[in-house]
Amino acid sequence: MIADIDIFAKAARWSMEFPEEYFNQRPSTTRSLPWTRVLDRAHQLLKGQSPWKDQKGRVVRGYYSDLDGSVQPVRRHYPCFV
């Protein structure tokens, strides 16, 4: 579940490190979205909640790569059948 938060932290860090790439492609209303998601999910997790795990529809989750340990986003449509 930490990866589900860390993906948005990574996006927020990259938006500060590479503002010319991030902000030119996104409308101003979505610039703070990664920071908002980091804080929202972190607060929920501190309360012992993780509602995004049971969310239906398109959900952004994260995982740590076995190759290099970096956090990677994955967006899936739930429920999914494997």
Protein backbone atom coordinates (compact mmCIF):
# COMPACT_ATOMS: atom_id res chain seq x y z
CA MET A 1 0.00 0.00 0.00
CA ILE A 2 2.94 2.33 0.51
CA ALA A 3 3.66 2.11 -3.23
CA ASP A 4 0.12 3.42 -3.83
CA ILE A 5 1.19 6.62 -2.05
CA ASP A 6 4.79 6.70 -3.24
CA ILE A 7 3.77 6.92 -6.92
CA PHE A 8 2.13 10.28 -6.27
CA ALA A 9 5.10 11.45 -4.18
CA LYS A 10 7.35 10.56 -7.13
CA ALA A 11 5.09 12.52 -9.50
CA ALA A 12 5.15 15.51 -7.14
CA ARG A 13 8.96 15.39 -6.89
CA TRP A 14 9.31 15.16 -10.66
CA SER A 15 6.90 18.08 -11.16
CA MET A 16 9.29 20.21 -9.11
CA GLU A 17 12.45 18.81 -10.67
CA PHE A 18 11.21 19.08 -14.26
CA PRO A 19 8.61 21.88 -14.23
CA GLU A 20 9.10 22.70 -17.91
CA GLU A 21 7.92 19.23 -18.91
CA TYR A 22 5.25 18.75 -16.30
CA PHE A 23 3.53 22.14 -16.28
CA ASN A 24 3.55 22.71 -20.03
CA GLN A 25 1.52 19.56 -20.58
CA ARG A 26 -0.98 19.95 -17.76
CA PRO A 27 -3.65 22.57 -17.16
CA SER A 28 -3.05 24.68 -14.07
CA THR A 29 -5.93 23.03 -12.20
CA THR A 30 -4.11 19.67 -12.14
CA ARG A 31 -0.67 20.93 -11.10
CA SER A 32 -1.30 20.25 -7.43
CA LEU A 33 -2.98 16.88 -8.01
CA PRO A 34 0.05 14.71 -7.06
CA TRP A 35 0.53 16.62 -3.78
CA THR A 36 -3.18 16.34 -3.01
CA ARG A 37 -3.18 12.59 -3.64
CA VAL A 38 -0.05 12.06 -1.52
CA LEU A 39 -1.58 13.86 1.44
CA ASP A 40 -5.03 12.31 1.05
CA ARG A 41 -3.77 8.76 0.79
CA ALA A 42 -1.19 9.22 3.56
CA HIS A 43 -3.83 10.60 5.96
CA GLN A 44 -6.18 7.75 5.11
CA LEU A 45 -3.46 5.16 5.63
CA LEU A 46 -2.55 6.69 9.00
CA LYS A 47 -6.18 6.18 10.02
CA GLY A 48 -5.94 2.54 8.94
CA GLN A 49 -8.00 3.14 5.82
CA SER A 50 -7.20 2.47 2.18
CA PRO A 51 -10.44 3.08 0.24
CA TRP A 52 -8.65 3.09 -3.11
CA LYS A 53 -8.14 -0.67 -2.70
CA ASP A 54 -11.89 -1.25 -3.01
CA GLN A 55 -12.55 1.53 -5.51
CA LYS A 56 -14.31 0.53 -8.72
CA GLY A 57 -13.49 1.82 -12.18
CA ARG A 58 -10.10 3.23 -13.19
CA VAL A 59 -7.76 3.20 -10.23
CA VAL A 60 -4.13 4.27 -10.02
CA ARG A 61 -2.05 1.96 -7.87
CA GLY A 62 1.67 1.45 -7.49
CA TYR A 63 4.19 -1.34 -7.17
CA TYR A 64 7.92 -1.59 -6.62
CA SER A 65 9.88 -2.95 -9.55
CA ASP A 66 11.71 -6.22 -8.98
CA LEU A 67 14.32 -5.00 -11.46
CA ASP A 68 15.53 -1.84 -9.71
CA GLY A 69 13.21 -1.26 -6.75
CA SER A 70 11.76 1.93 -8.20
CA VAL A 71 8.10 2.70 -7.67
CA GLN A 72 5.99 2.33 -10.81
CA PRO A 73 2.41 3.38 -11.47
CA VAL A 74 -0.18 1.04 -12.85
CA ARG A 75 -3.67 2.10 -13.84
CA ARG A 76 -6.24 -0.62 -14.07
CA HIS A 77 -9.92 -0.83 -14.51
CA TYR A 78 -11.47 -2.65 -11.56
CA PRO A 79 -13.01 -5.13 -11.39
CA CYS A 80 -10.58 -6.85 -13.67
CA PHE A 81 -10.53 -10.51 -14.47
CA VAL A 82 -7.16 -12.22 -14.77
